[in-house]
Amino acid sequence: MGTFNTLIAVVDCVNCNKPFTQEIQFKYATVWQYLYNVGDKLTRTNNYYDIGKPGTKVKACGISADNICPNCDFINEEDFDLFIENDVIIGVNYAEDLSIYFDTEGDFVEYE
């Protein structure tokens, strides 16, 4: 995946419905191994490592570092949609449709 950032997020297991913490790797804003939580503002350095335009509304593709539920050992989906507005992470969900990322080098798509 190259250089990426990581979102630390609590998601629900699709099998047992219990919450567990995920480390979700993604490429948006300045990608330089930054750690974020939902609600954090993304870092921008305006250099080669900046991805996307500041101030836009995007859905970024994320990949789980470990998708096994510690409560029931179920293997959950590893792909996520991260919702970002004005460079703030506002939410995360299991990915609905990965094909939306195919025409954008797999990193993110802008939406209204």
N, C-alpha and C. Protein backbone atom coordinates (compact mmCIF):
# COMPACT_ATOMS: atom_id res chain seq x y z
N MET A 1 0.83 -1.20 0.00
CA MET A 1 0.00 0.00 0.00
C MET A 1 0.86 1.25 0.00
N GLY A 2 2.16 1.18 0.27
CA GLY A 2 3.00 2.36 0.33
C GLY A 2 2.72 3.16 1.59
N THR A 3 3.01 4.45 1.57
CA THR A 3 2.76 5.30 2.72
C THR A 3 1.25 5.53 2.87
N PHE A 4 0.78 5.50 4.11
CA PHE A 4 -0.64 5.65 4.39
C PHE A 4 -0.82 6.27 5.76
N ASN A 5 -2.05 6.60 6.11
CA ASN A 5 -2.43 7.04 7.45
C ASN A 5 -3.30 5.95 8.06
N THR A 6 -3.55 6.05 9.36
CA THR A 6 -4.36 5.04 10.04
C THR A 6 -5.45 5.72 10.86
N LEU A 7 -6.67 5.23 10.68
CA LEU A 7 -7.81 5.65 11.49
C LEU A 7 -8.04 4.58 12.55
N ILE A 8 -8.06 4.98 13.82
CA ILE A 8 -8.41 4.08 14.91
C ILE A 8 -9.91 4.27 15.15
N ALA A 9 -10.70 3.23 14.89
CA ALA A 9 -12.15 3.36 14.97
C ALA A 9 -12.77 2.14 15.63
N VAL A 10 -13.88 2.37 16.30
CA VAL A 10 -14.66 1.27 16.88
C VAL A 10 -15.78 0.95 15.91
N VAL A 11 -15.85 -0.34 15.52
CA VAL A 11 -16.90 -0.81 14.61
C VAL A 11 -17.59 -2.01 15.27
N ASP A 12 -18.77 -2.33 14.77
CA ASP A 12 -19.48 -3.50 15.28
C ASP A 12 -19.19 -4.71 14.41
N CYS A 13 -18.99 -5.84 15.05
CA CYS A 13 -18.82 -7.11 14.35
C CYS A 13 -20.14 -7.45 13.66
N VAL A 14 -20.07 -7.90 12.41
CA VAL A 14 -21.30 -8.25 11.70
C VAL A 14 -21.87 -9.59 12.17
N ASN A 15 -21.10 -10.35 12.92
CA ASN A 15 -21.57 -11.64 13.42
C ASN A 15 -22.20 -11.53 14.81
N CYS A 16 -21.47 -10.96 15.77
CA CYS A 16 -21.96 -10.91 17.15
C CYS A 16 -22.49 -9.53 17.55
N ASN A 17 -22.33 -8.53 16.67
CA ASN A 17 -22.78 -7.16 16.90
C ASN A 17 -22.08 -6.45 18.05
N LYS A 18 -21.00 -7.01 18.57
CA LYS A 18 -20.26 -6.35 19.64
C LYS A 18 -19.21 -5.42 19.02
N PRO A 19 -18.95 -4.28 19.67
CA PRO A 19 -17.96 -3.34 19.14
C PRO A 19 -16.53 -3.84 19.39
N PHE A 20 -15.67 -3.49 18.46
CA PHE A 20 -14.24 -3.74 18.64
C PHE A 20 -13.45 -2.70 17.86
N THR A 21 -12.21 -2.49 18.26
CA THR A 21 -11.37 -1.45 17.68
C THR A 21 -10.68 -1.96 16.43
N GLN A 22 -10.71 -1.14 15.39
CA GLN A 22 -10.05 -1.43 14.12
C GLN A 22 -8.99 -0.38 13.83
N GLU A 23 -7.90 -0.81 13.22
CA GLU A 23 -6.92 0.10 12.65
C GLU A 23 -7.14 0.05 11.15
N ILE A 24 -7.58 1.17 10.57
CA ILE A 24 -7.97 1.21 9.16
C ILE A 24 -7.00 2.11 8.40
N GLN A 25 -6.28 1.53 7.46
CA GLN A 25 -5.30 2.26 6.67
C GLN A 25 -6.00 2.97 5.51
N PHE A 26 -5.58 4.21 5.25
CA PHE A 26 -6.17 4.97 4.14
C PHE A 26 -5.18 5.97 3.60
N LYS A 27 -5.47 6.45 2.38
CA LYS A 27 -4.62 7.45 1.73
C LYS A 27 -5.47 8.66 1.38
N TYR A 28 -5.35 9.70 2.18
CA TYR A 28 -5.99 10.97 1.89
C TYR A 28 -5.32 12.03 2.75
N ALA A 29 -5.26 13.27 2.27
CA ALA A 29 -4.55 14.39 2.91
C ALA A 29 -3.05 14.07 2.86
N THR A 30 -2.28 14.51 3.83
CA THR A 30 -0.86 14.18 3.83
C THR A 30 -0.69 12.77 4.36
N VAL A 31 -0.15 11.90 3.54
CA VAL A 31 0.03 10.50 3.94
C VAL A 31 1.45 10.31 4.46
N TRP A 32 1.52 10.14 5.78
CA TRP A 32 2.84 10.01 6.40
C TRP A 32 2.74 9.29 7.75
N GLN A 33 1.98 8.20 7.79
CA GLN A 33 1.84 7.37 8.98
C GLN A 33 1.18 8.12 10.16
N TYR A 34 0.31 9.07 9.86
CA TYR A 34 -0.41 9.77 10.92
C TYR A 34 -1.50 8.85 11.48
N LEU A 35 -1.77 8.99 12.78
CA LEU A 35 -2.85 8.27 13.45
C LEU A 35 -4.00 9.23 13.72
N TYR A 36 -5.23 8.80 13.41
CA TYR A 36 -6.41 9.64 13.58
C TYR A 36 -7.53 8.87 14.26
N ASN A 37 -8.48 9.63 14.80
CA ASN A 37 -9.74 9.12 15.31
C ASN A 37 -10.86 9.84 14.57
N VAL A 38 -12.07 9.29 14.60
CA VAL A 38 -13.21 9.98 14.02
C VAL A 38 -13.34 11.33 14.73
N GLY A 39 -13.53 12.40 13.96
CA GLY A 39 -13.62 13.75 14.49
C GLY A 39 -12.33 14.55 14.36
N ASP A 40 -11.23 13.87 14.04
CA ASP A 40 -9.95 14.57 13.90
C ASP A 40 -9.84 15.28 12.56
N LYS A 41 -9.12 16.40 12.56
CA LYS A 41 -8.80 17.13 11.33
C LYS A 41 -7.52 16.53 10.76
N LEU A 42 -7.54 16.26 9.46
CA LEU A 42 -6.39 15.67 8.79
C LEU A 42 -5.28 16.70 8.57
N THR A 43 -4.06 16.23 8.61
CA THR A 43 -2.89 17.08 8.39
C THR A 43 -2.70 17.35 6.90
N ARG A 44 -2.37 18.59 6.58
CA ARG A 44 -2.02 19.00 5.22
C ARG A 44 -0.68 19.71 5.27
N THR A 45 0.27 19.30 4.41
CA THR A 45 1.57 19.95 4.37
C THR A 45 1.85 20.60 3.01
N ASN A 46 0.89 20.45 2.08
CA ASN A 46 1.02 21.04 0.75
C ASN A 46 2.32 20.63 0.05
N ASN A 47 2.64 19.35 0.14
CA ASN A 47 3.81 18.84 -0.56
C ASN A 47 3.45 17.61 -1.37
N TYR A 48 4.45 16.89 -1.81
CA TYR A 48 4.27 15.70 -2.65
C TYR A 48 3.36 14.66 -2.01
N TYR A 49 3.32 14.60 -0.69
CA TYR A 49 2.57 13.57 0.01
C TYR A 49 1.11 13.94 0.27
N ASP A 50 0.66 15.08 -0.22
CA ASP A 50 -0.74 15.48 -0.08
C ASP A 50 -1.58 14.83 -1.18
N ILE A 51 -2.67 14.20 -0.77
CA ILE A 51 -3.60 13.57 -1.71
C ILE A 51 -4.96 14.24 -1.56
N GLY A 52 -5.57 14.60 -2.68
CA GLY A 52 -6.89 15.22 -2.66
C GLY A 52 -6.82 16.72 -2.43
N LYS A 53 -7.97 17.36 -2.67
CA LYS A 53 -8.06 18.82 -2.51
C LYS A 53 -8.59 19.15 -1.12
N PRO A 54 -7.97 20.10 -0.44
CA PRO A 54 -8.50 20.53 0.86
C PRO A 54 -9.91 21.09 0.73
N GLY A 55 -10.72 20.90 1.76
CA GLY A 55 -12.04 21.51 1.80
C GLY A 55 -13.12 20.80 1.04
N THR A 56 -12.86 19.61 0.52
CA THR A 56 -13.87 18.89 -0.24
C THR A 56 -14.56 17.84 0.63
N LYS A 57 -15.60 17.27 0.08
CA LYS A 57 -16.36 16.22 0.74
C LYS A 57 -16.04 14.92 0.01
N VAL A 58 -15.39 13.99 0.69
CA VAL A 58 -14.95 12.77 0.02
C VAL A 58 -15.29 11.52 0.82
N LYS A 59 -15.30 10.42 0.08
CA LYS A 59 -15.37 9.08 0.66
C LYS A 59 -14.04 8.44 0.30
N ALA A 60 -13.27 8.03 1.32
CA ALA A 60 -11.96 7.44 1.09
C ALA A 60 -12.01 5.94 1.36
N CYS A 61 -11.27 5.21 0.59
CA CYS A 61 -11.20 3.76 0.74
C CYS A 61 -10.23 3.42 1.88
N GLY A 62 -10.67 2.54 2.78
CA GLY A 62 -9.83 2.11 3.89
C GLY A 62 -9.74 0.59 3.95
N ILE A 63 -8.61 0.11 4.47
CA ILE A 63 -8.39 -1.33 4.60
C ILE A 63 -7.98 -1.64 6.03
N SER A 64 -8.66 -2.61 6.62
CA SER A 64 -8.40 -2.99 8.00
C SER A 64 -7.06 -3.69 8.14
N ALA A 65 -6.36 -3.38 9.23
CA ALA A 65 -5.11 -4.07 9.53
C ALA A 65 -5.36 -5.43 10.17
N ASP A 66 -6.49 -5.59 10.85
CA ASP A 66 -6.85 -6.87 11.48
C ASP A 66 -8.37 -6.91 11.61
N ASN A 67 -9.02 -7.72 10.81
CA ASN A 67 -10.47 -7.71 10.75
C ASN A 67 -11.13 -8.86 11.53
N ILE A 68 -10.38 -9.52 12.39
CA ILE A 68 -10.94 -10.62 13.18
C ILE A 68 -11.50 -10.07 14.49
N CYS A 69 -12.77 -10.34 14.74
CA CYS A 69 -13.42 -9.87 15.96
C CYS A 69 -12.81 -10.57 17.18
N PRO A 70 -12.35 -9.80 18.16
CA PRO A 70 -11.77 -10.41 19.36
C PRO A 70 -12.84 -11.03 20.28
N ASN A 71 -14.11 -10.73 20.03
CA ASN A 71 -15.19 -11.26 20.86
C ASN A 71 -15.64 -12.65 20.42
N CYS A 72 -15.67 -12.88 19.09
CA CYS A 72 -16.22 -14.16 18.59
C CYS A 72 -15.33 -14.82 17.53
N ASP A 73 -14.19 -14.20 17.19
CA ASP A 73 -13.24 -14.72 16.19
C ASP A 73 -13.78 -14.74 14.76
N PHE A 74 -14.87 -14.02 14.50
CA PHE A 74 -15.42 -13.94 13.15
C PHE A 74 -14.52 -13.06 12.29
N ILE A 75 -14.34 -13.45 11.03
CA ILE A 75 -13.55 -12.65 10.09
C ILE A 75 -14.49 -11.67 9.39
N ASN A 76 -14.41 -10.41 9.77
CA ASN A 76 -15.25 -9.35 9.20
C ASN A 76 -14.66 -8.87 7.87
N GLU A 77 -15.48 -8.10 7.14
CA GLU A 77 -14.99 -7.47 5.92
C GLU A 77 -13.78 -6.61 6.26
N GLU A 78 -12.84 -6.49 5.32
CA GLU A 78 -11.65 -5.69 5.58
C GLU A 78 -11.70 -4.31 4.93
N ASP A 79 -12.69 -4.07 4.10
CA ASP A 79 -12.77 -2.80 3.36
C ASP A 79 -13.77 -1.84 4.00
N PHE A 80 -13.39 -0.56 4.05
CA PHE A 80 -14.19 0.46 4.70
C PHE A 80 -14.32 1.70 3.83
N ASP A 81 -15.39 2.46 4.06
CA ASP A 81 -15.57 3.80 3.52
C ASP A 81 -15.35 4.77 4.67
N LEU A 82 -14.42 5.71 4.50
CA LEU A 82 -14.22 6.79 5.46
C LEU A 82 -14.86 8.04 4.89
N PHE A 83 -15.65 8.72 5.68
CA PHE A 83 -16.35 9.92 5.24
C PHE A 83 -15.60 11.13 5.79
N ILE A 84 -15.19 12.01 4.87
CA ILE A 84 -14.35 13.16 5.21
C ILE A 84 -14.98 14.42 4.64
N GLU A 85 -15.15 15.44 5.48
CA GLU A 85 -15.67 16.73 5.04
C GLU A 85 -14.74 17.82 5.55
N ASN A 86 -14.30 18.68 4.63
CA ASN A 86 -13.39 19.78 4.99
C ASN A 86 -12.19 19.28 5.79
N ASP A 87 -11.66 18.13 5.36
CA ASP A 87 -10.49 17.49 5.97
C ASP A 87 -10.71 17.03 7.41
N VAL A 88 -11.96 16.77 7.79
CA VAL A 88 -12.29 16.20 9.10
C VAL A 88 -12.94 14.84 8.86
N ILE A 89 -12.47 13.82 9.56
CA ILE A 89 -13.06 12.49 9.44
C ILE A 89 -14.37 12.50 10.23
N ILE A 90 -15.49 12.33 9.53
CA ILE A 90 -16.78 12.43 10.21
C ILE A 90 -17.44 11.07 10.46
N GLY A 91 -16.90 10.01 9.83
CA GLY A 91 -17.49 8.70 10.07
C GLY A 91 -16.80 7.61 9.28
N VAL A 92 -17.16 6.37 9.62
CA VAL A 92 -16.61 5.20 8.93
C VAL A 92 -17.65 4.08 8.95
N ASN A 93 -17.74 3.37 7.84
CA ASN A 93 -18.65 2.22 7.71
C ASN A 93 -17.96 1.14 6.90
N TYR A 94 -18.45 -0.09 7.02
CA TYR A 94 -17.99 -1.13 6.11
C TYR A 94 -18.29 -0.66 4.69
N ALA A 95 -17.40 -0.95 3.75
CA ALA A 95 -17.54 -0.49 2.37
C ALA A 95 -18.81 -1.04 1.73
N GLU A 96 -19.51 -0.16 1.01
CA GLU A 96 -20.72 -0.55 0.30
C GLU A 96 -20.42 -1.05 -1.10
N ASP A 97 -19.54 -0.35 -1.82
CA ASP A 97 -19.28 -0.67 -3.23
C ASP A 97 -17.87 -0.23 -3.59
N LEU A 98 -16.93 -1.15 -3.61
CA LEU A 98 -15.54 -0.81 -3.92
C LEU A 98 -15.34 -0.33 -5.35
N SER A 99 -16.26 -0.65 -6.25
CA SER A 99 -16.09 -0.27 -7.64
C SER A 99 -16.06 1.25 -7.83
N ILE A 100 -16.60 2.01 -6.87
CA ILE A 100 -16.57 3.48 -7.01
C ILE A 100 -15.15 4.02 -6.97
N TYR A 101 -14.23 3.25 -6.41
CA TYR A 101 -12.84 3.70 -6.31
C TYR A 101 -11.99 3.31 -7.51
N PHE A 102 -12.49 2.46 -8.40
CA PHE A 102 -11.68 1.92 -9.48
C PHE A 102 -11.18 2.99 -10.45
N ASP A 103 -11.96 4.02 -10.70
CA ASP A 103 -11.55 5.07 -11.63
C ASP A 103 -10.73 6.17 -10.97
N THR A 104 -10.44 6.04 -9.69
CA THR A 104 -9.73 7.10 -8.97
C THR A 104 -8.45 6.59 -8.31
N GLU A 105 -7.82 5.59 -8.91
CA GLU A 105 -6.61 4.99 -8.38
C GLU A 105 -6.85 4.34 -7.01
N GLY A 106 -8.11 4.12 -6.65
CA GLY A 106 -8.43 3.38 -5.45
C GLY A 106 -8.35 4.11 -4.13
N ASP A 107 -8.14 5.43 -4.14
CA ASP A 107 -7.94 6.13 -2.88
C ASP A 107 -9.20 6.82 -2.33
N PHE A 108 -9.89 7.59 -3.17
CA PHE A 108 -11.04 8.36 -2.69
C PHE A 108 -11.89 8.82 -3.87
N VAL A 109 -13.12 9.23 -3.55
CA VAL A 109 -14.01 9.85 -4.54
C VAL A 109 -14.68 11.06 -3.87
N GLU A 110 -14.87 12.11 -4.65
CA GLU A 110 -15.61 13.27 -4.15
C GLU A 110 -17.09 13.01 -4.33
N TYR A 111 -17.91 13.55 -3.42
CA TYR A 111 -19.35 13.41 -3.56
C TYR A 111 -20.04 14.64 -3.02
N GLU A 112 -21.30 14.79 -3.35
CA GLU A 112 -22.10 15.96 -2.92
C GLU A 112 -22.76 15.69 -1.60
